[in-house]
Amino acid sequence: MANSASGMAVSDECKLKFQELKAKRTFRFITFKINEHSQQVVVDRVGQPGETYADFTATIPADECRYAVFDFDFVTDENCQKSKIFFISWSPDTSRVRSKMLYASSKDRFKRELDGYQVELQATDPSEMTLDVVKARAL
């Protein structure tokens, strides 16, 4: 079912992979991209459970928009091990205007398909999604 505002559908694979990450912790992260030809959001890449946040950020293209989810493990000030799933919207200033508009207009519908993330992060520059930023948002 396409979104009337942007015309973007969400592939079933996106929802299935997200459910696996959330329920089974099969993946550390998933990146998603908009396929303009098929007019839908598709899975771009999945990260294995042993991969780090640095591995994740290395997969994000510097000049192309992406959506992503990252399963972030951390220890609280009370020394409790916790995990939060981040939804990250990456829209760099250097990407095409059309691409930024497509991602912006499709984001709300796409987020509704991913039921269960805890923290949303929007970034236009790598400094807005550093590990320190993620840690601060997780607590």
C-alpha atoms as a PDB file:
ATOM      1  CA  MET A   1       0.000   0.000   0.000  1.00  0.00           C
ATOM      2  CA  ALA A   2       1.688   3.189  -1.174  1.00  0.00           C
ATOM      3  CA  ASN A   3       1.717   6.366   0.856  1.00  0.00           C
ATOM      4  CA  SER A   4      -0.393   8.970  -0.924  1.00  0.00           C
ATOM      5  CA  ALA A   5       1.993  11.785   0.005  1.00  0.00           C
ATOM      6  CA  SER A   6       5.149  10.182  -1.324  1.00  0.00           C
ATOM      7  CA  GLY A   7       3.971   7.135  -3.249  1.00  0.00           C
ATOM      8  CA  MET A   8       6.398   4.948  -1.286  1.00  0.00           C
ATOM      9  CA  ALA A   9       5.455   1.460  -0.234  1.00  0.00           C
ATOM     10  CA  VAL A  10       7.405  -0.553   2.327  1.00  0.00           C
ATOM     11  CA  SER A  11       8.671  -3.975   1.300  1.00  0.00           C
ATOM     12  CA  ASP A  12       7.647  -6.919   3.486  1.00  0.00           C
ATOM     13  CA  GLU A  13      11.336  -7.730   3.927  1.00  0.00           C
ATOM     14  CA  CYS A  14      11.805  -4.451   5.850  1.00  0.00           C
ATOM     15  CA  LYS A  15       9.138  -5.424   8.368  1.00  0.00           C
ATOM     16  CA  LEU A  16      10.344  -9.036   8.661  1.00  0.00           C
ATOM     17  CA  LYS A  17      13.996  -8.083   9.217  1.00  0.00           C
ATOM     18  CA  PHE A  18      13.000  -5.475  11.814  1.00  0.00           C
ATOM     19  CA  GLN A  19      10.895  -8.057  13.692  1.00  0.00           C
ATOM     20  CA  GLU A  20      13.888 -10.425  13.686  1.00  0.00           C
ATOM     21  CA  LEU A  21      16.156  -7.699  15.064  1.00  0.00           C
ATOM     22  CA  LYS A  22      13.619  -6.774  17.746  1.00  0.00           C
ATOM     23  CA  ALA A  23      12.476 -10.247  18.832  1.00  0.00           C
ATOM     24  CA  LYS A  24      15.465 -12.482  18.169  1.00  0.00           C
ATOM     25  CA  ARG A  25      18.370 -10.012  18.056  1.00  0.00           C
ATOM     26  CA  THR A  26      19.442 -11.683  14.813  1.00  0.00           C
ATOM     27  CA  PHE A  27      21.043  -8.449  13.582  1.00  0.00           C
ATOM     28  CA  ARG A  28      22.875  -5.512  15.177  1.00  0.00           C
ATOM     29  CA  PHE A  29      21.537  -3.047  12.607  1.00  0.00           C
ATOM     30  CA  ILE A  30      19.586  -2.714   9.382  1.00  0.00           C
ATOM     31  CA  THR A  31      19.923   0.063   6.830  1.00  0.00           C
ATOM     32  CA  PHE A  32      17.055   0.831   4.466  1.00  0.00           C
ATOM     33  CA  LYS A  33      16.941   2.793   1.239  1.00  0.00           C
ATOM     34  CA  ILE A  34      14.262   4.018  -1.123  1.00  0.00           C
ATOM     35  CA  ASN A  35      14.274   2.275  -4.464  1.00  0.00           C
ATOM     36  CA  GLU A  36      12.947   4.995  -6.751  1.00  0.00           C
ATOM     37  CA  HIS A  37      12.230   2.550  -9.596  1.00  0.00           C
ATOM     38  CA  SER A  38       9.992   0.234  -7.572  1.00  0.00           C
ATOM     39  CA  GLN A  39       8.704   3.129  -5.429  1.00  0.00           C
ATOM     40  CA  GLN A  40       9.330   1.324  -2.163  1.00  0.00           C
ATOM     41  CA  VAL A  41      11.561   1.240   0.879  1.00  0.00           C
ATOM     42  CA  VAL A  42      13.833  -1.828   0.760  1.00  0.00           C
ATOM     43  CA  VAL A  43      16.508  -3.407   2.962  1.00  0.00           C
ATOM     44  CA  ASP A  44      19.927  -2.037   2.041  1.00  0.00           C
ATOM     45  CA  ARG A  45      22.183  -3.953   4.440  1.00  0.00           C
ATOM     46  CA  VAL A  46      22.031  -5.962   7.668  1.00  0.00           C
ATOM     47  CA  GLY A  47      24.739  -6.046  10.314  1.00  0.00           C
ATOM     48  CA  GLN A  48      25.599  -9.194  12.205  1.00  0.00           C
ATOM     49  CA  PRO A  49      25.216  -9.317  16.026  1.00  0.00           C
ATOM     50  CA  GLY A  50      28.980  -8.939  16.602  1.00  0.00           C
ATOM     51  CA  GLU A  51      29.279  -5.728  14.590  1.00  0.00           C
ATOM     52  CA  THR A  52      29.865  -2.424  16.388  1.00  0.00           C
ATOM     53  CA  TYR A  53      28.446   1.072  16.070  1.00  0.00           C
ATOM     54  CA  ALA A  54      31.588   2.010  14.114  1.00  0.00           C
ATOM     55  CA  ASP A  55      30.854  -0.840  11.672  1.00  0.00           C
ATOM     56  CA  PHE A  56      27.323   0.514  11.310  1.00  0.00           C
ATOM     57  CA  THR A  57      28.343   4.122  10.644  1.00  0.00           C
ATOM     58  CA  ALA A  58      30.887   2.914   8.078  1.00  0.00           C
ATOM     59  CA  THR A  59      28.008   1.437   6.015  1.00  0.00           C
ATOM     60  CA  ILE A  60      26.109   4.736   5.826  1.00  0.00           C
ATOM     61  CA  PRO A  61      26.923   6.549   2.564  1.00  0.00           C
ATOM     62  CA  ALA A  62      28.262  10.064   3.055  1.00  0.00           C
ATOM     63  CA  ASP A  63      26.129  11.626   0.315  1.00  0.00           C
ATOM     64  CA  GLU A  64      22.976   9.469   0.142  1.00  0.00           C
ATOM     65  CA  CYS A  65      19.951   9.385   2.445  1.00  0.00           C
ATOM     66  CA  ARG A  66      19.117   6.257   4.438  1.00  0.00           C
ATOM     67  CA  TYR A  67      16.871   5.044   7.211  1.00  0.00           C
ATOM     68  CA  ALA A  68      18.379   2.684   9.755  1.00  0.00           C
ATOM     69  CA  VAL A  69      17.683   0.841  12.966  1.00  0.00           C
ATOM     70  CA  PHE A  70      20.455   0.038  15.420  1.00  0.00           C
ATOM     71  CA  ASP A  71      20.205  -2.216  18.468  1.00  0.00           C
ATOM     72  CA  PHE A  72      22.318  -0.332  21.008  1.00  0.00           C
ATOM     73  CA  ASP A  73      23.592  -2.162  24.104  1.00  0.00           C
ATOM     74  CA  PHE A  74      24.754  -0.061  27.039  1.00  0.00           C
ATOM     75  CA  VAL A  75      25.277  -0.072  30.798  1.00  0.00           C
ATOM     76  CA  THR A  76      23.337   2.407  32.934  1.00  0.00           C
ATOM     77  CA  ASP A  77      24.771   4.460  35.792  1.00  0.00           C
ATOM     78  CA  GLU A  78      23.264   1.813  38.123  1.00  0.00           C
ATOM     79  CA  ASN A  79      25.383  -0.804  36.301  1.00  0.00           C
ATOM     80  CA  CYS A  80      22.400  -2.445  34.562  1.00  0.00           C
ATOM     81  CA  GLN A  81      22.841  -3.926  31.091  1.00  0.00           C
ATOM     82  CA  LYS A  82      20.200  -2.482  28.760  1.00  0.00           C
ATOM     83  CA  SER A  83      19.383  -2.293  25.082  1.00  0.00           C
ATOM     84  CA  LYS A  84      17.457   0.273  23.040  1.00  0.00           C
ATOM     85  CA  ILE A  85      16.531   0.181  19.389  1.00  0.00           C
ATOM     86  CA  PHE A  86      17.280   3.456  17.609  1.00  0.00           C
ATOM     87  CA  PHE A  87      15.513   4.612  14.462  1.00  0.00           C
ATOM     88  CA  ILE A  88      17.942   6.815  12.551  1.00  0.00           C
ATOM     89  CA  SER A  89      16.999   9.073   9.682  1.00  0.00           C
ATOM     90  CA  TRP A  90      20.144  10.048   7.740  1.00  0.00           C
ATOM     91  CA  SER A  91      19.719  12.937   5.308  1.00  0.00           C
ATOM     92  CA  PRO A  92      23.112  14.526   4.601  1.00  0.00           C
ATOM     93  CA  ASP A  93      23.300  18.072   3.295  1.00  0.00           C
ATOM     94  CA  THR A  94      25.323  16.747   0.340  1.00  0.00           C
ATOM     95  CA  SER A  95      22.560  14.425  -0.942  1.00  0.00           C
ATOM     96  CA  ARG A  96      20.264  15.324  -3.843  1.00  0.00           C
ATOM     97  CA  VAL A  97      17.341  17.619  -3.003  1.00  0.00           C
ATOM     98  CA  ARG A  98      14.879  15.148  -4.579  1.00  0.00           C
ATOM     99  CA  SER A  99      16.272  12.362  -2.402  1.00  0.00           C
ATOM    100  CA  LYS A 100      15.983  14.448   0.780  1.00  0.00           C
ATOM    101  CA  MET A 101      12.376  15.298  -0.100  1.00  0.00           C
ATOM    102  CA  LEU A 102      11.504  11.639  -0.789  1.00  0.00           C
ATOM    103  CA  TYR A 103      12.982  10.476   2.506  1.00  0.00           C
ATOM    104  CA  ALA A 104      11.357  13.293   4.473  1.00  0.00           C
ATOM    105  CA  SER A 105       7.900  12.661   2.987  1.00  0.00           C
ATOM    106  CA  SER A 106       8.122   8.873   3.458  1.00  0.00           C
ATOM    107  CA  LYS A 107       9.592   8.815   6.962  1.00  0.00           C
ATOM    108  CA  ASP A 108       6.420   8.925   9.078  1.00  0.00           C
ATOM    109  CA  ARG A 109       4.748   6.101   7.196  1.00  0.00           C
ATOM    110  CA  PHE A 110       7.914   4.003   7.285  1.00  0.00           C
ATOM    111  CA  LYS A 111       8.291   4.545  11.058  1.00  0.00           C
ATOM    112  CA  ARG A 112       4.724   3.305  11.595  1.00  0.00           C
ATOM    113  CA  GLU A 113       5.697   0.015   9.928  1.00  0.00           C
ATOM    114  CA  LEU A 114       8.540  -0.478  12.437  1.00  0.00           C
ATOM    115  CA  ASP A 115       6.664  -0.965  15.665  1.00  0.00           C
ATOM    116  CA  GLY A 116       8.964  -1.204  18.655  1.00  0.00           C
ATOM    117  CA  TYR A 117      11.921   1.159  18.317  1.00  0.00           C
ATOM    118  CA  GLN A 118      12.549   3.318  21.396  1.00  0.00           C
ATOM    119  CA  VAL A 119      14.618   6.328  20.302  1.00  0.00           C
ATOM    120  CA  GLU A 120      14.525   8.407  17.130  1.00  0.00           C
ATOM    121  CA  LEU A 121      17.568  10.246  15.855  1.00  0.00           C
ATOM    122  CA  GLN A 122      17.727  12.563  12.842  1.00  0.00           C
ATOM    123  CA  ALA A 123      21.097  13.435  11.370  1.00  0.00           C
ATOM    124  CA  THR A 124      22.329  15.595   8.499  1.00  0.00           C
ATOM    125  CA  ASP A 125      25.998  15.431   9.488  1.00  0.00           C
ATOM    126  CA  PRO A 126      28.102  12.576  10.973  1.00  0.00           C
ATOM    127  CA  SER A 127      28.644  14.665  14.128  1.00  0.00           C
ATOM    128  CA  GLU A 128      24.902  14.371  14.860  1.00  0.00           C
ATOM    129  CA  MET A 129      25.075  10.580  15.137  1.00  0.00           C
ATOM    130  CA  THR A 130      28.345   9.872  16.924  1.00  0.00           C
ATOM    131  CA  LEU A 131      28.554   7.147  19.552  1.00  0.00           C
ATOM    132  CA  ASP A 132      28.536   9.846  22.254  1.00  0.00           C
ATOM    133  CA  VAL A 133      25.259  11.269  20.907  1.00  0.00           C
ATOM    134  CA  VAL A 134      23.707   7.797  20.840  1.00  0.00           C
ATOM    135  CA  LYS A 135      24.874   7.061  24.400  1.00  0.00           C
ATOM    136  CA  ALA A 136      23.438  10.354  25.659  1.00  0.00           C
ATOM    137  CA  ARG A 137      20.084   9.689  23.960  1.00  0.00           C
ATOM    138  CA  ALA A 138      19.922   6.113  25.291  1.00  0.00           C
ATOM    139  CA  LEU A 139      20.133   7.096  28.965  1.00  0.00           C
END
